[in-house]
Amino acid sequence: MAKKLIRFDWAIKKLLRHKANFTILEGFLTELLKFEITIVDVLEGEGNKQEPDDKYNRVDIVVKSSDGELMLVEVQNESQVDYFQRMIYGVSKLTTEHIREGGAYREVKK
């Protein structure tokens, strides 16, 4: 009989479904990244299209560092040829969603 194993991406997505688990996840990511973060937003992969012809943004979590820098955290466990291009798309989308009309471009963090 084959052993059933829990996949890491499944476990993280399960944690993300409940806001009460954010403290656990923030602690895990803080240890992993070696600096303090807080979760700003959880992006649903299936429901984050704003326009019918938009691409889905597969980034799972938007976090903020203690110095205010926004970062995208994605759980992925398989290789993808166009990963870099997909992350550029995700960063662009995050940037446009977190700067207000008339806001100064200097507010955009790298």
Protein backbone atom coordinates (compact mmCIF):
# COMPACT_ATOMS: atom_id res chain seq x y z
CA MET A 1 0.00 0.00 0.00
CA ALA A 2 1.36 3.42 -0.99
CA LYS A 3 2.03 5.93 1.79
CA LYS A 4 0.07 9.14 1.59
CA LEU A 5 2.33 12.14 2.13
CA ILE A 6 1.41 15.74 2.81
CA ARG A 7 2.82 18.09 0.20
CA PHE A 8 4.42 21.32 1.42
CA ASP A 9 2.40 23.53 -0.95
CA TRP A 10 -0.83 21.86 0.23
CA ALA A 11 0.10 22.42 3.90
CA ILE A 12 0.92 26.12 3.36
CA LYS A 13 -2.28 26.71 1.37
CA LYS A 14 -4.22 24.98 4.16
CA LEU A 15 -2.59 27.35 6.70
CA LEU A 16 -3.48 30.35 4.54
CA ARG A 17 -7.19 29.60 4.60
CA HIS A 18 -7.48 30.65 8.26
CA LYS A 19 -6.37 34.08 9.48
CA ALA A 20 -5.75 32.57 12.93
CA ASN A 21 -2.80 30.67 11.41
CA PHE A 22 -1.07 33.83 10.13
CA THR A 23 1.01 34.12 13.32
CA ILE A 24 2.45 30.64 12.70
CA LEU A 25 3.13 31.42 9.06
CA GLU A 26 4.66 34.84 9.86
CA GLY A 27 6.97 33.16 12.38
CA PHE A 28 7.98 30.51 9.84
CA LEU A 29 8.68 33.08 7.11
CA THR A 30 10.55 35.36 9.54
CA GLU A 31 12.86 32.45 10.43
CA LEU A 32 13.26 31.45 6.79
CA LEU A 33 13.99 34.98 5.54
CA LYS A 34 16.00 36.03 8.63
CA PHE A 35 14.07 39.29 9.08
CA GLU A 36 10.69 40.26 10.54
CA ILE A 37 7.68 40.20 8.20
CA THR A 38 3.92 40.60 8.53
CA ILE A 39 1.32 39.20 6.16
CA VAL A 40 -0.48 41.98 4.28
CA ASP A 41 -2.64 39.95 1.93
CA VAL A 42 -3.31 36.41 0.76
CA LEU A 43 -3.97 36.14 -2.95
CA GLU A 44 -6.33 33.46 -4.11
CA GLY A 45 -4.82 31.92 -7.23
CA GLU A 46 -8.18 31.12 -8.78
CA GLY A 47 -9.96 34.36 -7.98
CA ASN A 48 -7.57 37.26 -8.40
CA LYS A 49 -8.45 38.30 -11.94
CA GLN A 50 -9.83 41.83 -12.13
CA GLU A 51 -10.62 41.73 -15.85
CA PRO A 52 -11.82 38.70 -17.85
CA ASP A 53 -8.70 38.75 -20.03
CA ASP A 54 -6.22 39.17 -17.12
CA LYS A 55 -3.83 36.34 -16.36
CA TYR A 56 -4.10 34.68 -12.99
CA ASN A 57 -1.47 35.86 -10.54
CA ARG A 58 -0.23 32.74 -8.74
CA VAL A 59 1.60 34.59 -5.98
CA ASP A 60 0.25 33.28 -2.71
CA ILE A 61 1.18 35.88 -0.07
CA VAL A 62 2.03 39.58 0.04
CA VAL A 63 4.22 40.36 3.06
CA LYS A 64 5.74 43.56 4.42
CA SER A 65 9.18 43.78 6.00
CA SER A 66 9.83 45.90 9.10
CA ASP A 67 11.18 48.68 6.83
CA GLY A 68 7.96 48.76 4.79
CA GLU A 69 9.15 46.83 1.73
CA LEU A 70 6.39 44.74 0.10
CA MET A 71 7.37 41.27 -1.09
CA LEU A 72 5.70 38.45 -2.93
CA VAL A 73 5.97 34.97 -1.45
CA GLU A 74 5.01 32.04 -3.62
CA VAL A 75 4.92 28.38 -2.78
CA GLN A 76 6.03 26.35 -5.77
CA ASN A 77 7.52 22.90 -5.83
CA GLU A 78 8.15 22.29 -9.51
CA SER A 79 10.44 23.82 -12.08
CA GLN A 80 9.01 26.36 -14.50
CA VAL A 81 10.82 27.70 -17.56
CA ASP A 82 9.19 31.15 -17.53
CA TYR A 83 9.28 31.64 -13.75
CA PHE A 84 11.25 34.92 -13.96
CA GLN A 85 8.78 36.42 -16.46
CA ARG A 86 5.86 35.29 -14.30
CA MET A 87 7.39 36.99 -11.25
CA ILE A 88 7.86 40.22 -13.25
CA TYR A 89 4.14 40.06 -14.03
CA GLY A 90 3.32 39.47 -10.35
CA VAL A 91 5.54 42.32 -9.15
CA SER A 92 4.06 44.68 -11.74
CA LYS A 93 0.56 43.79 -10.65
CA LEU A 94 1.44 44.22 -6.97
CA THR A 95 3.03 47.61 -7.67
CA THR A 96 0.00 48.95 -9.51
CA GLU A 97 -2.37 47.66 -6.82
CA HIS A 98 -0.46 49.29 -3.94
CA ILE A 99 0.18 52.78 -5.30
CA ARG A 100 -2.71 55.21 -5.42
CA GLU A 101 -3.53 57.51 -8.31
CA GLY A 102 -1.42 60.62 -7.91
CA GLY A 103 0.94 58.81 -5.53
CA ALA A 104 4.65 59.52 -5.82
CA TYR A 105 6.70 56.88 -7.63
CA ARG A 106 9.28 57.13 -4.84
CA GLU A 107 6.75 55.21 -2.72
CA VAL A 108 7.37 52.17 -4.91
CA LYS A 109 9.82 49.86 -3.15
CA LYS A 110 12.14 47.56 -5.03
